[in-house]
Amino acid sequence: MSNSDDQKQVMSQISLKIPRDLIDRYDKYARSKSNPRSHYMREALVEYIERREKEKER
């Protein structure tokens, strides 16, 4: 799948309760990289799920 296909994916919105200090750290990181925090949240979620799936395969 190409990047243009990724951009055409249907997105859903969710709501999470996250400690304020973690959000502050996350926002600071995202600003330093010039990307929206949602970009890094999606990236982190994908990495987490892939790691858990690999653990499950063992």
PDB file of N, CA and C in Angstrom:
ATOM      1  N   MET A   1       0.851  -1.188   0.000  1.00  0.00           N
ATOM      2  CA  MET A   1       0.000   0.000   0.000  1.00  0.00           C
ATOM      3  C   MET A   1       0.889   1.241   0.000  1.00  0.00           C
ATOM      4  N   SER A   2       0.614   2.191  -0.850  1.00  0.00           N
ATOM      5  CA  SER A   2       1.427   3.400  -0.957  1.00  0.00           C
ATOM      6  C   SER A   2       0.953   4.457   0.020  1.00  0.00           C
ATOM      7  N   ASN A   3       1.753   5.516   0.161  1.00  0.00           N
ATOM      8  CA  ASN A   3       1.377   6.620   1.045  1.00  0.00           C
ATOM      9  C   ASN A   3       0.074   7.262   0.611  1.00  0.00           C
ATOM     10  N   SER A   4      -0.143   7.372  -0.700  1.00  0.00           N
ATOM     11  CA  SER A   4      -1.385   7.987  -1.158  1.00  0.00           C
ATOM     12  C   SER A   4      -2.582   7.127  -0.758  1.00  0.00           C
ATOM     13  N   ASP A   5      -2.419   5.800  -0.746  1.00  0.00           N
ATOM     14  CA  ASP A   5      -3.488   4.920  -0.281  1.00  0.00           C
ATOM     15  C   ASP A   5      -3.728   5.112   1.210  1.00  0.00           C
ATOM     16  N   ASP A   6      -2.650   5.264   1.986  1.00  0.00           N
ATOM     17  CA  ASP A   6      -2.772   5.502   3.427  1.00  0.00           C
ATOM     18  C   ASP A   6      -3.580   6.753   3.697  1.00  0.00           C
ATOM     19  N   GLN A   7      -3.340   7.793   2.927  1.00  0.00           N
ATOM     20  CA  GLN A   7      -4.027   9.057   3.136  1.00  0.00           C
ATOM     21  C   GLN A   7      -5.512   8.962   2.811  1.00  0.00           C
ATOM     22  N   LYS A   8      -5.908   7.985   2.013  1.00  0.00           N
ATOM     23  CA  LYS A   8      -7.302   7.826   1.634  1.00  0.00           C
ATOM     24  C   LYS A   8      -8.066   6.946   2.608  1.00  0.00           C
ATOM     25  N   GLN A   9      -7.378   6.362   3.595  1.00  0.00           N
ATOM     26  CA  GLN A   9      -8.047   5.501   4.551  1.00  0.00           C
ATOM     27  C   GLN A   9      -9.091   6.283   5.342  1.00  0.00           C
ATOM     28  N   VAL A  10     -10.172   5.614   5.658  1.00  0.00           N
ATOM     29  CA  VAL A  10     -11.198   6.224   6.492  1.00  0.00           C
ATOM     30  C   VAL A  10     -10.670   6.260   7.914  1.00  0.00           C
ATOM     31  N   MET A  11     -10.749   7.408   8.548  1.00  0.00           N
ATOM     32  CA  MET A  11     -10.273   7.577   9.917  1.00  0.00           C
ATOM     33  C   MET A  11     -11.462   7.621  10.863  1.00  0.00           C
ATOM     34  N   SER A  12     -11.276   7.045  12.017  1.00  0.00           N
ATOM     35  CA  SER A  12     -12.274   7.121  13.083  1.00  0.00           C
ATOM     36  C   SER A  12     -11.677   7.895  14.236  1.00  0.00           C
ATOM     37  N   GLN A  13     -12.524   8.510  15.001  1.00  0.00           N
ATOM     38  CA  GLN A  13     -12.055   9.301  16.139  1.00  0.00           C
ATOM     39  C   GLN A  13     -12.405   8.576  17.426  1.00  0.00           C
ATOM     40  N   ILE A  14     -11.458   8.582  18.382  1.00  0.00           N
ATOM     41  CA  ILE A  14     -11.698   8.008  19.699  1.00  0.00           C
ATOM     42  C   ILE A  14     -11.345   9.046  20.751  1.00  0.00           C
ATOM     43  N   SER A  15     -11.772   8.784  21.958  1.00  0.00           N
ATOM     44  CA  SER A  15     -11.480   9.680  23.071  1.00  0.00           C
ATOM     45  C   SER A  15     -10.785   8.874  24.161  1.00  0.00           C
ATOM     46  N   LEU A  16      -9.705   9.427  24.706  1.00  0.00           N
ATOM     47  CA  LEU A  16      -8.951   8.767  25.765  1.00  0.00           C
ATOM     48  C   LEU A  16      -8.747   9.718  26.926  1.00  0.00           C
ATOM     49  N   LYS A  17      -8.687   9.165  28.101  1.00  0.00           N
ATOM     50  CA  LYS A  17      -8.285   9.949  29.266  1.00  0.00           C
ATOM     51  C   LYS A  17      -6.830   9.607  29.544  1.00  0.00           C
ATOM     52  N   ILE A  18      -5.984  10.627  29.474  1.00  0.00           N
ATOM     53  CA  ILE A  18      -4.544  10.462  29.633  1.00  0.00           C
ATOM     54  C   ILE A  18      -4.064  11.489  30.659  1.00  0.00           C
ATOM     55  N   PRO A  19      -3.172  11.074  31.549  1.00  0.00           N
ATOM     56  CA  PRO A  19      -2.671  12.025  32.548  1.00  0.00           C
ATOM     57  C   PRO A  19      -2.080  13.281  31.895  1.00  0.00           C
ATOM     58  N   ARG A  20      -2.361  14.422  32.497  1.00  0.00           N
ATOM     59  CA  ARG A  20      -1.939  15.716  31.955  1.00  0.00           C
ATOM     60  C   ARG A  20      -0.436  15.773  31.728  1.00  0.00           C
ATOM     61  N   ASP A  21       0.347  15.228  32.652  1.00  0.00           N
ATOM     62  CA  ASP A  21       1.801  15.298  32.484  1.00  0.00           C
ATOM     63  C   ASP A  21       2.260  14.517  31.254  1.00  0.00           C
ATOM     64  N   LEU A  22       1.612  13.417  30.948  1.00  0.00           N
ATOM     65  CA  LEU A  22       1.965  12.647  29.760  1.00  0.00           C
ATOM     66  C   LEU A  22       1.588  13.410  28.491  1.00  0.00           C
ATOM     67  N   ILE A  23       0.429  14.036  28.497  1.00  0.00           N
ATOM     68  CA  ILE A  23       0.016  14.854  27.343  1.00  0.00           C
ATOM     69  C   ILE A  23       0.990  16.002  27.133  1.00  0.00           C
ATOM     70  N   ASP A  24       1.401  16.644  28.223  1.00  0.00           N
ATOM     71  CA  ASP A  24       2.360  17.751  28.101  1.00  0.00           C
ATOM     72  C   ASP A  24       3.669  17.276  27.467  1.00  0.00           C
ATOM     73  N   ARG A  25       4.167  16.132  27.907  1.00  0.00           N
ATOM     74  CA  ARG A  25       5.394  15.577  27.342  1.00  0.00           C
ATOM     75  C   ARG A  25       5.195  15.220  25.870  1.00  0.00           C
ATOM     76  N   TYR A  26       4.057  14.624  25.577  1.00  0.00           N
ATOM     77  CA  TYR A  26       3.745  14.202  24.212  1.00  0.00           C
ATOM     78  C   TYR A  26       3.631  15.395  23.272  1.00  0.00           C
ATOM     79  N   ASP A  27       2.939  16.434  23.728  1.00  0.00           N
ATOM     80  CA  ASP A  27       2.801  17.652  22.924  1.00  0.00           C
ATOM     81  C   ASP A  27       4.161  18.289  22.649  1.00  0.00           C
ATOM     82  N   LYS A  28       4.997  18.334  23.665  1.00  0.00           N
ATOM     83  CA  LYS A  28       6.333  18.911  23.501  1.00  0.00           C
ATOM     84  C   LYS A  28       7.116  18.128  22.453  1.00  0.00           C
ATOM     85  N   TYR A  29       7.049  16.801  22.511  1.00  0.00           N
ATOM     86  CA  TYR A  29       7.734  15.965  21.529  1.00  0.00           C
ATOM     87  C   TYR A  29       7.183  16.215  20.123  1.00  0.00           C
ATOM     88  N   ALA A  30       5.872  16.192  19.983  1.00  0.00           N
ATOM     89  CA  ALA A  30       5.253  16.381  18.662  1.00  0.00           C
ATOM     90  C   ALA A  30       5.624  17.741  18.075  1.00  0.00           C
ATOM     91  N   ARG A  31       5.616  18.785  18.895  1.00  0.00           N
ATOM     92  CA  ARG A  31       5.990  20.120  18.402  1.00  0.00           C
ATOM     93  C   ARG A  31       7.438  20.147  17.933  1.00  0.00           C
ATOM     94  N   SER A  32       8.309  19.433  18.637  1.00  0.00           N
ATOM     95  CA  SER A  32       9.732  19.420  18.258  1.00  0.00           C
ATOM     96  C   SER A  32       9.934  18.729  16.914  1.00  0.00           C
ATOM     97  N   LYS A  33       9.023  17.878  16.530  1.00  0.00           N
ATOM     98  CA  LYS A  33       9.117  17.154  15.269  1.00  0.00           C
ATOM     99  C   LYS A  33       8.228  17.750  14.191  1.00  0.00           C
ATOM    100  N   SER A  34       7.463  18.771  14.520  1.00  0.00           N
ATOM    101  CA  SER A  34       6.591  19.473  13.563  1.00  0.00           C
ATOM    102  C   SER A  34       5.517  18.595  12.953  1.00  0.00           C
ATOM    103  N   ASN A  35       5.015  17.646  13.714  1.00  0.00           N
ATOM    104  CA  ASN A  35       3.891  16.820  13.282  1.00  0.00           C
ATOM    105  C   ASN A  35       2.804  16.885  14.346  1.00  0.00           C
ATOM    106  N   PRO A  36       1.563  16.662  13.956  1.00  0.00           N
ATOM    107  CA  PRO A  36       0.488  16.651  14.966  1.00  0.00           C
ATOM    108  C   PRO A  36       0.637  15.446  15.888  1.00  0.00           C
ATOM    109  N   ARG A  37       0.186  15.597  17.113  1.00  0.00           N
ATOM    110  CA  ARG A  37       0.328  14.491  18.057  1.00  0.00           C
ATOM    111  C   ARG A  37      -0.441  13.255  17.596  1.00  0.00           C
ATOM    112  N   SER A  38      -1.500  13.427  16.844  1.00  0.00           N
ATOM    113  CA  SER A  38      -2.251  12.261  16.358  1.00  0.00           C
ATOM    114  C   SER A  38      -1.374  11.369  15.477  1.00  0.00           C
ATOM    115  N   HIS A  39      -0.450  11.969  14.750  1.00  0.00           N
ATOM    116  CA  HIS A  39       0.474  11.196  13.920  1.00  0.00           C
ATOM    117  C   HIS A  39       1.278  10.226  14.782  1.00  0.00           C
ATOM    118  N   TYR A  40       1.799  10.724  15.892  1.00  0.00           N
ATOM    119  CA  TYR A  40       2.630   9.888  16.761  1.00  0.00           C
ATOM    120  C   TYR A  40       1.792   8.920  17.587  1.00  0.00           C
ATOM    121  N   MET A  41       0.567   9.285  17.894  1.00  0.00           N
ATOM    122  CA  MET A  41      -0.305   8.355  18.610  1.00  0.00           C
ATOM    123  C   MET A  41      -0.650   7.161  17.727  1.00  0.00           C
ATOM    124  N   ARG A  42      -0.945   7.415  16.463  1.00  0.00           N
ATOM    125  CA  ARG A  42      -1.210   6.311  15.533  1.00  0.00           C
ATOM    126  C   ARG A  42       0.027   5.435  15.383  1.00  0.00           C
ATOM    127  N   GLU A  43       1.173   6.079  15.220  1.00  0.00           N
ATOM    128  CA  GLU A  43       2.425   5.341  15.071  1.00  0.00           C
ATOM    129  C   GLU A  43       2.698   4.476  16.309  1.00  0.00           C
ATOM    130  N   ALA A  44       2.498   5.042  17.488  1.00  0.00           N
ATOM    131  CA  ALA A  44       2.734   4.294  18.727  1.00  0.00           C
ATOM    132  C   ALA A  44       1.755   3.125  18.854  1.00  0.00           C
ATOM    133  N   LEU A  45       0.515   3.335  18.484  1.00  0.00           N
ATOM    134  CA  LEU A  45      -0.489   2.277  18.573  1.00  0.00           C
ATOM    135  C   LEU A  45      -0.155   1.127  17.622  1.00  0.00           C
ATOM    136  N   VAL A  46       0.257   1.449  16.416  1.00  0.00           N
ATOM    137  CA  VAL A  46       0.640   0.413  15.456  1.00  0.00           C
ATOM    138  C   VAL A  46       1.819  -0.391  15.999  1.00  0.00           C
ATOM    139  N   GLU A  47       2.837   0.297  16.504  1.00  0.00           N
ATOM    140  CA  GLU A  47       4.012  -0.401  17.046  1.00  0.00           C
ATOM    141  C   GLU A  47       3.626  -1.290  18.225  1.00  0.00           C
ATOM    142  N   TYR A  48       2.766  -0.801  19.104  1.00  0.00           N
ATOM    143  CA  TYR A  48       2.338  -1.566  20.270  1.00  0.00           C
ATOM    144  C   TYR A  48       1.586  -2.828  19.847  1.00  0.00           C
ATOM    145  N   ILE A  49       0.638  -2.677  18.936  1.00  0.00           N
ATOM    146  CA  ILE A  49      -0.165  -3.819  18.493  1.00  0.00           C
ATOM    147  C   ILE A  49       0.711  -4.850  17.791  1.00  0.00           C
ATOM    148  N   GLU A  50       1.616  -4.387  16.929  1.00  0.00           N
ATOM    149  CA  GLU A  50       2.506  -5.323  16.243  1.00  0.00           C
ATOM    150  C   GLU A  50       3.370  -6.097  17.233  1.00  0.00           C
ATOM    151  N   ARG A  51       3.873  -5.426  18.258  1.00  0.00           N
ATOM    152  CA  ARG A  51       4.690  -6.087  19.273  1.00  0.00           C
ATOM    153  C   ARG A  51       3.875  -7.117  20.036  1.00  0.00           C
ATOM    154  N   ARG A  52       2.652  -6.760  20.408  1.00  0.00           N
ATOM    155  CA  ARG A  52       1.788  -7.694  21.143  1.00  0.00           C
ATOM    156  C   ARG A  52       1.407  -8.893  20.279  1.00  0.00           C
ATOM    157  N   GLU A  53       1.154  -8.659  18.996  1.00  0.00           N
ATOM    158  CA  GLU A  53       0.823  -9.771  18.096  1.00  0.00           C
ATOM    159  C   GLU A  53       1.998 -10.737  17.978  1.00  0.00           C
ATOM    160  N   LYS A  54       3.205 -10.216  17.905  1.00  0.00           N
ATOM    161  CA  LYS A  54       4.383 -11.075  17.825  1.00  0.00           C
ATOM    162  C   LYS A  54       4.559 -11.875  19.111  1.00  0.00           C
ATOM    163  N   GLU A  55       4.300 -11.239  20.250  1.00  0.00           N
ATOM    164  CA  GLU A  55       4.402 -11.941  21.538  1.00  0.00           C
ATOM    165  C   GLU A  55       3.387 -13.077  21.607  1.00  0.00           C
ATOM    166  N   LYS A  56       2.212 -12.842  21.073  1.00  0.00           N
ATOM    167  CA  LYS A  56       1.141 -13.831  21.092  1.00  0.00           C
ATOM    168  C   LYS A  56       1.484 -15.058  20.239  1.00  0.00           C
ATOM    169  N   GLU A  57       2.259 -14.840  19.172  1.00  0.00           N
ATOM    170  CA  GLU A  57       2.643 -15.915  18.265  1.00  0.00           C
ATOM    171  C   GLU A  57       3.618 -16.890  18.911  1.00  0.00           C
ATOM    172  N   ARG A  58       4.301 -16.469  19.945  1.00  0.00           N
ATOM    173  CA  ARG A  58       5.316 -17.323  20.598  1.00  0.00           C
ATOM    174  C   ARG A  58       4.700 -18.459  21.331  1.00  0.00           C
TER     175      ARG A  58
END
